């Protein structure tokens, strides 16, 4: 489940909830209820602490898309910023 425009997945929401509740409840119980593997929980929790390495590119894409009033697809967005070839891969 993705929330439009936010980029937060259902797994991320589950990880945040489990991380918040683990002080009051046992971690294995929370992981079972959330249907999260332990490795997934720790992997996502570590990712949440890291800065988004594509944040600048994503903001440029949002800006181009907003200036086009949502009419541009990925090819036209890339054409707007040919100096940044990673735009097509984000």
Protein backbone atom coordinates (compact mmCIF):
# COMPACT_ATOMS: atom_id res chain seq x y z
CA UNK A 1 0.00 0.00 0.00
CA UNK A 2 1.46 3.32 -1.04
CA UNK A 3 0.09 6.65 0.03
CA UNK A 4 -0.08 8.90 -3.01
CA UNK A 5 2.74 11.39 -3.15
CA UNK A 6 4.22 10.48 0.21
CA UNK A 7 6.26 7.42 -0.71
CA UNK A 8 5.51 5.57 2.51
CA UNK A 9 4.72 1.88 2.17
CA UNK A 10 2.64 -0.32 4.43
CA UNK A 11 5.79 -2.08 5.58
CA UNK A 12 7.30 1.24 6.65
CA UNK A 13 4.18 2.07 8.64
CA UNK A 14 4.28 -1.34 10.30
CA UNK A 15 7.96 -0.96 11.16
CA UNK A 16 7.34 2.46 12.70
CA UNK A 17 4.43 1.11 14.74
CA UNK A 18 6.39 -1.92 15.98
CA UNK A 19 9.37 0.29 16.83
CA UNK A 20 7.12 2.61 18.86
CA UNK A 21 5.42 -0.26 20.71
CA UNK A 22 8.44 -2.43 21.43
CA UNK A 23 9.10 -0.64 24.74
CA UNK A 24 5.73 -1.85 26.09
CA UNK A 25 5.48 -5.27 24.42
CA UNK A 26 7.73 -8.13 23.40
CA UNK A 27 9.22 -7.77 19.95
CA UNK A 28 8.42 -11.34 18.74
CA UNK A 29 4.74 -10.81 19.58
CA UNK A 30 4.61 -7.47 17.74
CA UNK A 31 6.35 -8.92 14.69
CA UNK A 32 3.92 -11.83 14.62
CA UNK A 33 0.89 -9.53 14.86
CA UNK A 34 2.28 -7.22 12.18
CA UNK A 35 3.21 -10.22 10.00
CA UNK A 36 6.75 -8.88 9.62
CA UNK A 37 9.85 -11.05 9.45
CA UNK A 38 12.47 -10.00 11.99
CA UNK A 39 15.07 -9.33 9.29
CA UNK A 40 12.62 -7.08 7.41
CA UNK A 41 11.92 -5.12 10.59
CA UNK A 42 15.61 -4.45 11.27
CA UNK A 43 16.38 -3.72 7.61
CA UNK A 44 13.59 -1.15 7.31
CA UNK A 45 14.37 0.36 10.70
CA UNK A 46 17.98 0.94 9.64
CA UNK A 47 16.85 2.45 6.35
CA UNK A 48 14.58 4.91 8.14
CA UNK A 49 17.60 6.43 9.89
CA UNK A 50 19.52 6.97 6.64
CA UNK A 51 18.95 10.12 4.56
CA UNK A 52 17.32 9.58 1.17
CA UNK A 53 20.15 9.63 -1.36
CA UNK A 54 17.73 10.49 -4.17
CA UNK A 55 15.94 13.33 -2.35
CA UNK A 56 17.35 16.08 -4.60
CA UNK A 57 16.43 14.22 -7.80
CA UNK A 58 12.93 13.41 -6.50
CA UNK A 59 12.35 17.06 -5.70
CA UNK A 60 13.44 18.05 -9.23
CA UNK A 61 11.02 15.48 -10.68
CA UNK A 62 8.16 16.78 -8.51
CA UNK A 63 8.92 20.35 -9.60
CA UNK A 64 8.92 19.49 -13.32
CA UNK A 65 5.75 17.42 -12.92
CA UNK A 66 3.98 20.21 -11.01
CA UNK A 67 5.02 22.85 -13.56
CA UNK A 68 3.47 20.66 -16.27
CA UNK A 69 0.28 20.41 -14.16
CA UNK A 70 0.68 16.64 -13.96
CA UNK A 71 0.68 16.15 -17.71
CA UNK A 72 4.24 14.86 -18.18
CA UNK A 73 5.19 11.21 -18.18
CA UNK A 74 8.62 9.83 -17.35
CA UNK A 75 10.04 10.45 -20.84
CA UNK A 76 9.13 14.12 -20.86
CA UNK A 77 10.34 14.61 -17.30
CA UNK A 78 13.68 13.11 -18.33
CA UNK A 79 13.75 15.36 -21.41
CA UNK A 80 13.37 18.39 -19.13
CA UNK A 81 16.55 17.44 -17.26
CA UNK A 82 18.92 15.73 -19.75
CA UNK A 83 21.96 16.64 -17.60
CA UNK A 84 20.77 14.23 -14.92
CA UNK A 85 20.56 10.72 -16.43
CA UNK A 86 19.61 9.18 -13.09
CA UNK A 87 16.17 10.82 -13.28
CA UNK A 88 15.02 7.96 -15.47
CA UNK A 89 16.13 5.38 -12.89
CA UNK A 90 14.54 6.82 -9.74
